[in-house]
PDB file of all heavy atoms in Angstrom:
ATOM      1  N   VAL A   1      82.369 100.691 105.921  1.00  0.00           N
ATOM      2  CA  VAL A   1      83.220  99.753 105.352  1.00  0.00           C
ATOM      3  C   VAL A   1      84.671 100.026 105.813  1.00  0.00           C
ATOM      4  O   VAL A   1      85.051 101.162 105.949  1.00  0.00           O
ATOM      5  CB  VAL A   1      83.157  99.726 103.765  1.00  0.00           C
ATOM      6  CG1 VAL A   1      83.516 101.187 103.193  1.00  0.00           C
ATOM      7  CG2 VAL A   1      84.023  98.704 103.199  1.00  0.00           C
ATOM      8  N   TYR A   2      85.412  98.970 106.090  1.00  0.00           N
ATOM      9  CA  TYR A   2      86.760  99.130 106.579  1.00  0.00           C
ATOM     10  C   TYR A   2      87.782  98.581 105.583  1.00  0.00           C
ATOM     11  O   TYR A   2      87.448  97.616 104.864  1.00  0.00           O
ATOM     12  CB  TYR A   2      86.880  98.272 107.909  1.00  0.00           C
ATOM     13  CG  TYR A   2      85.935  98.836 108.997  1.00  0.00           C
ATOM     14  CD1 TYR A   2      84.801  98.156 109.265  1.00  0.00           C
ATOM     15  CD2 TYR A   2      86.208  99.946 109.701  1.00  0.00           C
ATOM     16  CE1 TYR A   2      83.873  98.576 110.150  1.00  0.00           C
ATOM     17  CE2 TYR A   2      85.377 100.399 110.760  1.00  0.00           C
ATOM     18  CZ  TYR A   2      84.134  99.672 110.942  1.00  0.00           C
ATOM     19  OH  TYR A   2      83.225 100.101 111.929  1.00  0.00           O
ATOM     20  N   LEU A   3      88.981  98.968 105.715  1.00  0.00           N
ATOM     21  CA  LEU A   3      90.082  98.395 104.992  1.00  0.00           C
ATOM     22  C   LEU A   3      91.268  98.222 106.031  1.00  0.00           C
ATOM     23  O   LEU A   3      91.871  99.253 106.524  1.00  0.00           O
ATOM     24  CB  LEU A   3      90.569  99.274 103.886  1.00  0.00           C
ATOM     25  CG  LEU A   3      91.771  98.651 103.034  1.00  0.00           C
ATOM     26  CD1 LEU A   3      91.301  97.450 102.294  1.00  0.00           C
ATOM     27  CD2 LEU A   3      92.349  99.689 102.109  1.00  0.00           C
ATOM     28  N   GLN A   4      91.431  96.972 106.535  1.00  0.00           N
ATOM     29  CA  GLN A   4      92.540  96.708 107.363  1.00  0.00           C
ATOM     30  C   GLN A   4      93.798  96.481 106.546  1.00  0.00           C
ATOM     31  O   GLN A   4      93.802  95.517 105.681  1.00  0.00           O
ATOM     32  CB  GLN A   4      92.167  95.433 108.217  1.00  0.00           C
ATOM     33  CG  GLN A   4      93.319  95.045 109.196  1.00  0.00           C
ATOM     34  CD  GLN A   4      93.468  96.036 110.225  1.00  0.00           C
ATOM     35  OE1 GLN A   4      92.568  96.597 110.844  1.00  0.00           O
ATOM     36  NE2 GLN A   4      94.819  96.212 110.632  1.00  0.00           N
ATOM     37  N   MET A   5      94.829  97.237 106.805  1.00  0.00           N
ATOM     38  CA  MET A   5      96.034  97.132 106.058  1.00  0.00           C
ATOM     39  C   MET A   5      97.159  96.712 107.042  1.00  0.00           C
ATOM     40  O   MET A   5      97.497  97.359 107.962  1.00  0.00           O
ATOM     41  CB  MET A   5      96.372  98.464 105.430  1.00  0.00           C
ATOM     42  CG  MET A   5      95.263  99.040 104.560  1.00  0.00           C
ATOM     43  SD  MET A   5      95.710 100.558 103.738  1.00  0.00           S
ATOM     44  CE  MET A   5      95.674 101.669 105.087  1.00  0.00           C
ATOM     45  N   ASP A   6      97.671  95.526 106.759  1.00  0.00           N
ATOM     46  CA  ASP A   6      98.737  94.952 107.535  1.00  0.00           C
ATOM     47  C   ASP A   6      99.952  94.735 106.718  1.00  0.00           C
ATOM     48  O   ASP A   6      99.953  94.653 105.483  1.00  0.00           O
ATOM     49  CB  ASP A   6      98.329  93.606 108.116  1.00  0.00           C
ATOM     50  CG  ASP A   6      97.109  93.660 109.087  1.00  0.00           C
ATOM     51  OD1 ASP A   6      97.074  94.642 109.869  1.00  0.00           O
ATOM     52  OD2 ASP A   6      96.234  92.759 109.019  1.00  0.00           O
ATOM     53  N   ASN A   7     101.125  94.633 107.313  1.00  0.00           N
ATOM     54  CA  ASN A   7     102.396  94.432 106.690  1.00  0.00           C
ATOM     55  C   ASN A   7     102.561  95.525 105.571  1.00  0.00           C
ATOM     56  O   ASN A   7     102.908  95.153 104.480  1.00  0.00           O
ATOM     57  CB  ASN A   7     102.473  92.985 106.197  1.00  0.00           C
ATOM     58  CG  ASN A   7     103.898  92.635 105.635  1.00  0.00           C
ATOM     59  OD1 ASN A   7     104.884  93.239 106.029  1.00  0.00           O
ATOM     60  ND2 ASN A   7     103.957  91.675 104.792  1.00  0.00           N
ATOM     61  N   MET A   8     102.413  96.729 105.906  1.00  0.00           N
ATOM     62  CA  MET A   8     102.403  97.751 104.831  1.00  0.00           C
ATOM     63  C   MET A   8     103.813  97.932 104.324  1.00  0.00           C
ATOM     64  O   MET A   8     104.769  97.832 105.082  1.00  0.00           O
ATOM     65  CB  MET A   8     101.858  99.031 105.482  1.00  0.00           C
ATOM     66  CG  MET A   8     100.352  98.834 105.978  1.00  0.00           C
ATOM     67  SD  MET A   8      99.546 100.438 106.298  1.00  0.00           S
ATOM     68  CE  MET A   8      99.358 101.128 104.637  1.00  0.00           C
ATOM     69  N   LYS A   9     103.835  98.294 103.102  1.00  0.00           N
ATOM     70  CA  LYS A   9     105.088  98.580 102.385  1.00  0.00           C
ATOM     71  C   LYS A   9     105.104  99.997 101.903  1.00  0.00           C
ATOM     72  O   LYS A   9     104.045 100.611 101.655  1.00  0.00           O
ATOM     73  CB  LYS A   9     105.080  97.604 101.178  1.00  0.00           C
ATOM     74  CG  LYS A   9     105.085  96.115 101.653  1.00  0.00           C
ATOM     75  CD  LYS A   9     105.064  95.174 100.416  1.00  0.00           C
ATOM     76  CE  LYS A   9     105.013  93.761 100.774  1.00  0.00           C
ATOM     77  NZ  LYS A   9     104.972  92.852  99.584  1.00  0.00           N
ATOM     78  N   PRO A  10     106.293 100.503 101.533  1.00  0.00           N
ATOM     79  CA  PRO A  10     106.374 101.871 100.970  1.00  0.00           C
ATOM     80  C   PRO A  10     105.559 102.062  99.747  1.00  0.00           C
ATOM     81  O   PRO A  10     104.986 103.160  99.572  1.00  0.00           O
ATOM     82  CB  PRO A  10     107.849 102.052 100.724  1.00  0.00           C
ATOM     83  CG  PRO A  10     108.547 101.197 101.723  1.00  0.00           C
ATOM     84  CD  PRO A  10     107.627  99.971 101.889  1.00  0.00           C
ATOM     85  N   ASN A  11     105.396 101.025  98.901  1.00  0.00           N
ATOM     86  CA  ASN A  11     104.616 101.191  97.702  1.00  0.00           C
ATOM     87  C   ASN A  11     103.138 101.332  97.991  1.00  0.00           C
ATOM     88  O   ASN A  11     102.349 101.563  97.134  1.00  0.00           O
ATOM     89  CB  ASN A  11     104.835  99.986  96.801  1.00  0.00           C
ATOM     90  CG  ASN A  11     106.144  99.968  96.125  1.00  0.00           C
ATOM     91  OD1 ASN A  11     106.602  98.900  95.615  1.00  0.00           O
ATOM     92  ND2 ASN A  11     106.839 101.089  96.051  1.00  0.00           N
ATOM     93  N   ASP A  12     102.682 101.100  99.230  1.00  0.00           N
ATOM     94  CA  ASP A  12     101.298 101.350  99.613  1.00  0.00           C
ATOM     95  C   ASP A  12     100.968 102.854  99.808  1.00  0.00           C
ATOM     96  O   ASP A  12      99.869 103.267  99.971  1.00  0.00           O
ATOM     97  CB  ASP A  12     100.999 100.614 100.878  1.00  0.00           C
ATOM     98  CG  ASP A  12     101.040  99.140 100.728  1.00  0.00           C
ATOM     99  OD1 ASP A  12     100.613  98.608  99.600  1.00  0.00           O
ATOM    100  OD2 ASP A  12     101.392  98.411 101.673  1.00  0.00           O
ATOM    101  N   THR A  13     102.011 103.665  99.744  1.00  0.00           N
ATOM    102  CA  THR A  13     101.873 105.106  99.938  1.00  0.00           C
ATOM    103  C   THR A  13     101.065 105.679  98.813  1.00  0.00           C
ATOM    104  O   THR A  13     101.326 105.494  97.605  1.00  0.00           O
ATOM    105  CB  THR A  13     103.187 105.778  99.977  1.00  0.00           C
ATOM    106  OG1 THR A  13     103.943 105.393 101.118  1.00  0.00           O
ATOM    107  CG2 THR A  13     103.067 107.317 100.085  1.00  0.00           C
ATOM    108  N   ALA A  14      99.930 106.312  99.185  1.00  0.00           N
ATOM    109  CA  ALA A  14      98.961 106.803  98.162  1.00  0.00           C
ATOM    110  C   ALA A  14      97.837 107.557  98.878  1.00  0.00           C
ATOM    111  O   ALA A  14      97.703 107.498 100.124  1.00  0.00           O
ATOM    112  CB  ALA A  14      98.321 105.663  97.355  1.00  0.00           C
ATOM    113  N   THR A  15      96.969 108.193  98.087  1.00  0.00           N
ATOM    114  CA  THR A  15      95.756 108.645  98.642  1.00  0.00           C
ATOM    115  C   THR A  15      94.727 107.604  98.393  1.00  0.00           C
ATOM    116  O   THR A  15      94.527 107.092  97.302  1.00  0.00           O
ATOM    117  CB  THR A  15      95.301 109.983  97.881  1.00  0.00           C
ATOM    118  OG1 THR A  15      96.315 110.943  98.111  1.00  0.00           O
ATOM    119  CG2 THR A  15      94.011 110.516  98.460  1.00  0.00           C
ATOM    120  N   TYR A  16      94.015 107.293  99.490  1.00  0.00           N
ATOM    121  CA  TYR A  16      93.053 106.144  99.459  1.00  0.00           C
ATOM    122  C   TYR A  16      91.641 106.771  99.413  1.00  0.00           C
ATOM    123  O   TYR A  16      91.322 107.608 100.183  1.00  0.00           O
ATOM    124  CB  TYR A  16      93.227 105.245 100.644  1.00  0.00           C
ATOM    125  CG  TYR A  16      94.411 104.305 100.467  1.00  0.00           C
ATOM    126  CD1 TYR A  16      95.660 104.802 100.648  1.00  0.00           C
ATOM    127  CD2 TYR A  16      94.177 102.956 100.353  1.00  0.00           C
ATOM    128  CE1 TYR A  16      96.805 103.989 100.463  1.00  0.00           C
ATOM    129  CE2 TYR A  16      95.281 102.102 100.214  1.00  0.00           C
ATOM    130  CZ  TYR A  16      96.585 102.583 100.231  1.00  0.00           C
ATOM    131  OH  TYR A  16      97.623 101.718 100.148  1.00  0.00           O
ATOM    132  N   TYR A  17      90.846 106.240  98.560  1.00  0.00           N
ATOM    133  CA  TYR A  17      89.520 106.728  98.317  1.00  0.00           C
ATOM    134  C   TYR A  17      88.521 105.569  98.601  1.00  0.00           C
ATOM    135  O   TYR A  17      88.710 104.461  98.114  1.00  0.00           O
ATOM    136  CB  TYR A  17      89.271 107.213  96.860  1.00  0.00           C
ATOM    137  CG  TYR A  17      90.093 108.401  96.507  1.00  0.00           C
ATOM    138  CD1 TYR A  17      91.350 108.203  95.979  1.00  0.00           C
ATOM    139  CD2 TYR A  17      89.686 109.681  96.752  1.00  0.00           C
ATOM    140  CE1 TYR A  17      92.170 109.323  95.619  1.00  0.00           C
ATOM    141  CE2 TYR A  17      90.411 110.749  96.421  1.00  0.00           C
ATOM    142  CZ  TYR A  17      91.679 110.633  95.846  1.00  0.00           C
ATOM    143  OH  TYR A  17      92.432 111.674  95.496  1.00  0.00           O
ATOM    144  N   CYS A  18      87.394 105.944  99.287  1.00  0.00           N
ATOM    145  CA  CYS A  18      86.173 105.100  99.369  1.00  0.00           C
ATOM    146  C   CYS A  18      85.350 105.367  98.279  1.00  0.00           C
ATOM    147  O   CYS A  18      85.042 106.529  97.924  1.00  0.00           O
ATOM    148  CB  CYS A  18      85.593 105.277 100.694  1.00  0.00           C
ATOM    149  SG  CYS A  18      84.216 104.254 101.044  1.00  0.00           S
ATOM    150  N   ALA A  19      84.642 104.336  97.609  1.00  0.00           N
ATOM    151  CA  ALA A  19      83.721 104.535  96.537  1.00  0.00           C
ATOM    152  C   ALA A  19      82.526 103.635  96.703  1.00  0.00           C
ATOM    153  O   ALA A  19      82.627 102.572  97.323  1.00  0.00           O
ATOM    154  CB  ALA A  19      84.452 104.262  95.182  1.00  0.00           C
ATOM    155  N   ALA A  20      81.437 104.033  96.094  1.00  0.00           N
ATOM    156  CA  ALA A  20      80.195 103.185  96.104  1.00  0.00           C
ATOM    157  C   ALA A  20      79.452 103.300  94.834  1.00  0.00           C
ATOM    158  O   ALA A  20      79.452 104.303  94.109  1.00  0.00           O
ATOM    159  CB  ALA A  20      79.308 103.773  97.293  1.00  0.00           C
ATOM    160  N   ARG A  21      78.719 102.180  94.608  1.00  0.00           N
ATOM    161  CA  ARG A  21      77.769 102.161  93.463  1.00  0.00           C
ATOM    162  C   ARG A  21      76.552 101.393  93.864  1.00  0.00           C
ATOM    163  O   ARG A  21      76.681 100.395  94.631  1.00  0.00           O
ATOM    164  CB  ARG A  21      78.518 101.575  92.240  1.00  0.00           C
ATOM    165  CG  ARG A  21      78.713 100.039  92.346  1.00  0.00           C
ATOM    166  CD  ARG A  21      79.473  99.532  91.137  1.00  0.00           C
ATOM    167  NE  ARG A  21      78.735  99.653  89.854  1.00  0.00           N
ATOM    168  CZ  ARG A  21      77.987  98.718  89.275  1.00  0.00           C
ATOM    169  NH1 ARG A  21      77.945  97.517  89.906  1.00  0.00           N
ATOM    170  NH2 ARG A  21      77.434  98.926  88.143  1.00  0.00           N
ATOM    171  N   VAL A  22      75.461 101.759  93.318  1.00  0.00           N
ATOM    172  CA  VAL A  22      74.206 100.998  93.510  1.00  0.00           C
ATOM    173  C   VAL A  22      74.274  99.769  92.630  1.00  0.00           C
ATOM    174  O   VAL A  22      74.534  99.927  91.373  1.00  0.00           O
ATOM    175  CB  VAL A  22      72.948 101.862  93.243  1.00  0.00           C
ATOM    176  CG1 VAL A  22      71.640 101.036  93.383  1.00  0.00           C
ATOM    177  CG2 VAL A  22      72.897 103.009  94.202  1.00  0.00           C
ATOM    178  N   SER A  23      73.949  98.702  93.181  1.00  0.00           N
ATOM    179  CA  SER A  23      74.067  97.432  92.384  1.00  0.00           C
ATOM    180  C   SER A  23      73.179  96.347  92.999  1.00  0.00           C
ATOM    181  O   SER A  23      73.502  95.856  94.132  1.00  0.00           O
ATOM    182  CB  SER A  23      75.527  96.875  92.384  1.00  0.00           C
ATOM    183  OG  SER A  23      75.719  95.828  91.510  1.00  0.00           O
ATOM    184  N   SER A  24      72.132  96.041  92.381  1.00  0.00           N
ATOM    185  CA  SER A  24      71.214  94.945  92.753  1.00  0.00           C
ATOM    186  C   SER A  24      71.660  93.653  92.175  1.00  0.00           C
ATOM    187  O   SER A  24      71.447  93.416  90.957  1.00  0.00           O
ATOM    188  CB  SER A  24      69.767  95.274  92.403  1.00  0.00           C
ATOM    189  OG  SER A  24      69.379  96.469  93.137  1.00  0.00           O
ATOM    190  N   ARG A  25      72.287  92.881  92.956  1.00  0.00           N
ATOM    191  CA  ARG A  25      72.811  91.586  92.425  1.00  0.00           C
ATOM    192  C   ARG A  25      72.457  90.410  93.379  1.00  0.00           C
ATOM    193  O   ARG A  25      71.974  90.634  94.474  1.00  0.00           O
ATOM    194  CB  ARG A  25      74.347  91.666  92.280  1.00  0.00           C
ATOM    195  CG  ARG A  25      74.754  92.790  91.327  1.00  0.00           C
ATOM    196  CD  ARG A  25      74.495  92.501  89.907  1.00  0.00           C
ATOM    197  NE  ARG A  25      74.982  93.496  89.006  1.00  0.00           N
ATOM    198  CZ  ARG A  25      74.809  93.451  87.665  1.00  0.00           C
ATOM    199  NH1 ARG A  25      74.287  92.428  87.055  1.00  0.00           N
ATOM    200  NH2 ARG A  25      75.297  94.428  86.945  1.00  0.00           N
ATOM    201  N   THR A  26      72.880  89.252  92.972  1.00  0.00           N
ATOM    202  CA  THR A  26      72.688  88.037  93.807  1.00  0.00           C
ATOM    203  C   THR A  26      73.791  88.028  94.867  1.00  0.00           C
ATOM    204  O   THR A  26      74.838  88.615  94.757  1.00  0.00           O
ATOM    205  CB  THR A  26      72.654  86.821  92.941  1.00  0.00           C
ATOM    206  OG1 THR A  26      73.958  86.659  92.318  1.00  0.00           O
ATOM    207  CG2 THR A  26      71.558  86.732  91.948  1.00  0.00           C
ATOM    208  N   SER A  27      73.452  87.163  95.816  1.00  0.00           N
ATOM    209  CA  SER A  27      74.526  86.941  96.894  1.00  0.00           C
ATOM    210  C   SER A  27      75.799  86.461  96.328  1.00  0.00           C
ATOM    211  O   SER A  27      75.833  85.727  95.285  1.00  0.00           O
ATOM    212  CB  SER A  27      73.961  86.040  97.929  1.00  0.00           C
ATOM    213  OG  SER A  27      74.849  85.755  98.981  1.00  0.00           O
ATOM    214  N   ARG A  28      76.953  86.889  96.905  1.00  0.00           N
ATOM    215  CA  ARG A  28      78.304  86.568  96.495  1.00  0.00           C
ATOM    216  C   ARG A  28      78.762  87.228  95.204  1.00  0.00           C
ATOM    217  O   ARG A  28      79.895  86.851  94.736  1.00  0.00           O
ATOM    218  CB  ARG A  28      78.448  84.994  96.347  1.00  0.00           C
ATOM    219  CG  ARG A  28      77.760  84.164  97.377  1.00  0.00           C
ATOM    220  CD  ARG A  28      78.196  84.589  98.807  1.00  0.00           C
ATOM    221  NE  ARG A  28      79.592  84.459  99.096  1.00  0.00           N
ATOM    222  CZ  ARG A  28      80.099  84.815 100.273  1.00  0.00           C
ATOM    223  NH1 ARG A  28      79.353  85.268 101.212  1.00  0.00           N
ATOM    224  NH2 ARG A  28      81.466  84.624 100.449  1.00  0.00           N
ATOM    225  N   TYR A  29      78.001  88.215  94.761  1.00  0.00           N
ATOM    226  CA  TYR A  29      78.411  88.959  93.578  1.00  0.00           C
ATOM    227  C   TYR A  29      79.787  89.632  93.887  1.00  0.00           C
ATOM    228  O   TYR A  29      79.993  90.181  94.998  1.00  0.00           O
ATOM    229  CB  TYR A  29      77.374  89.991  93.318  1.00  0.00           C
ATOM    230  CG  TYR A  29      77.753  91.012  92.283  1.00  0.00           C
ATOM    231  CD1 TYR A  29      77.910  90.637  90.928  1.00  0.00           C
ATOM    232  CD2 TYR A  29      77.944  92.387  92.578  1.00  0.00           C
ATOM    233  CE1 TYR A  29      78.319  91.553  89.933  1.00  0.00           C
ATOM    234  CE2 TYR A  29      78.204  93.324  91.648  1.00  0.00           C
ATOM    235  CZ  TYR A  29      78.391  92.960  90.315  1.00  0.00           C
ATOM    236  OH  TYR A  29      78.760  93.876  89.377  1.00  0.00           O
ATOM    237  N   VAL A  30      80.647  89.638  92.904  1.00  0.00           N
ATOM    238  CA  VAL A  30      81.965  90.255  93.032  1.00  0.00           C
ATOM    239  C   VAL A  30      81.854  91.587  92.296  1.00  0.00           C
ATOM    240  O   VAL A  30      81.537  91.647  91.144  1.00  0.00           O
ATOM    241  CB  VAL A  30      83.070  89.405  92.480  1.00  0.00           C
ATOM    242  CG1 VAL A  30      84.431  90.173  92.502  1.00  0.00           C
ATOM    243  CG2 VAL A  30      83.155  88.123  93.180  1.00  0.00           C
ATOM    244  N   CYS A  31      82.125  92.664  92.940  1.00  0.00           N
ATOM    245  CA  CYS A  31      81.992  94.041  92.497  1.00  0.00           C
ATOM    246  C   CYS A  31      83.037  94.311  91.448  1.00  0.00           C
ATOM    247  O   CYS A  31      84.165  93.796  91.476  1.00  0.00           O
ATOM    248  CB  CYS A  31      82.059  95.129  93.535  1.00  0.00           C
ATOM    249  SG  CYS A  31      80.601  94.845  94.755  1.00  0.00           S
ATOM    250  N   PRO A  32      82.815  95.258  90.548  1.00  0.00           N
ATOM    251  CA  PRO A  32      83.796  95.650  89.539  1.00  0.00           C
ATOM    252  C   PRO A  32      84.960  96.334  90.207  1.00  0.00           C
ATOM    253  O   PRO A  32      84.821  96.988  91.212  1.00  0.00           O
ATOM    254  CB  PRO A  32      83.028  96.518  88.565  1.00  0.00           C
ATOM    255  CG  PRO A  32      81.929  97.078  89.389  1.00  0.00           C
ATOM    256  CD  PRO A  32      81.481  95.945  90.371  1.00  0.00           C
ATOM    257  N   SER A  33      86.061  96.238  89.504  1.00  0.00           N
ATOM    258  CA  SER A  33      87.302  96.880  89.971  1.00  0.00           C
ATOM    259  C   SER A  33      87.697  98.132  89.217  1.00  0.00           C
ATOM    260  O   SER A  33      88.655  98.803  89.551  1.00  0.00           O
ATOM    261  CB  SER A  33      88.464  95.942  89.917  1.00  0.00           C
ATOM    262  OG  SER A  33      88.658  95.475  88.601  1.00  0.00           O
ATOM    263  N   ASN A  34      86.933  98.483  88.181  1.00  0.00           N
ATOM    264  CA  ASN A  34      87.165  99.633  87.406  1.00  0.00           C
ATOM    265  C   ASN A  34      86.597 100.863  88.028  1.00  0.00           C
ATOM    266  O   ASN A  34      85.401 100.867  88.489  1.00  0.00           O
ATOM    267  CB  ASN A  34      86.734  99.591  85.977  1.00  0.00           C
ATOM    268  CG  ASN A  34      85.314  99.134  85.859  1.00  0.00           C
ATOM    269  OD1 ASN A  34      84.898  98.130  86.420  1.00  0.00           O
ATOM    270  ND2 ASN A  34      84.449  99.931  85.137  1.00  0.00           N
ATOM    271  N   ASP A  35      87.266 101.956  88.281  1.00  0.00           N
ATOM    272  CA  ASP A  35      86.832 103.100  89.048  1.00  0.00           C
ATOM    273  C   ASP A  35      85.644 103.852  88.379  1.00  0.00           C
ATOM    274  O   ASP A  35      84.817 104.387  89.144  1.00  0.00           O
ATOM    275  CB  ASP A  35      87.972 104.114  89.257  1.00  0.00           C
ATOM    276  CG  ASP A  35      88.541 104.686  88.006  1.00  0.00           C
ATOM    277  OD1 ASP A  35      88.197 104.275  86.940  1.00  0.00           O
ATOM    278  OD2 ASP A  35      89.481 105.535  88.132  1.00  0.00           O
TER     279      ASP A  35
END
């Protein structure tokens, strides 16, 4: 999985983490945003 970051701003400064969860869902499912 990739994260393309364009037009970056100082507020983007952070430690970035990749995360995964097993999830059997239908097509076009939108994944949760809570860590």
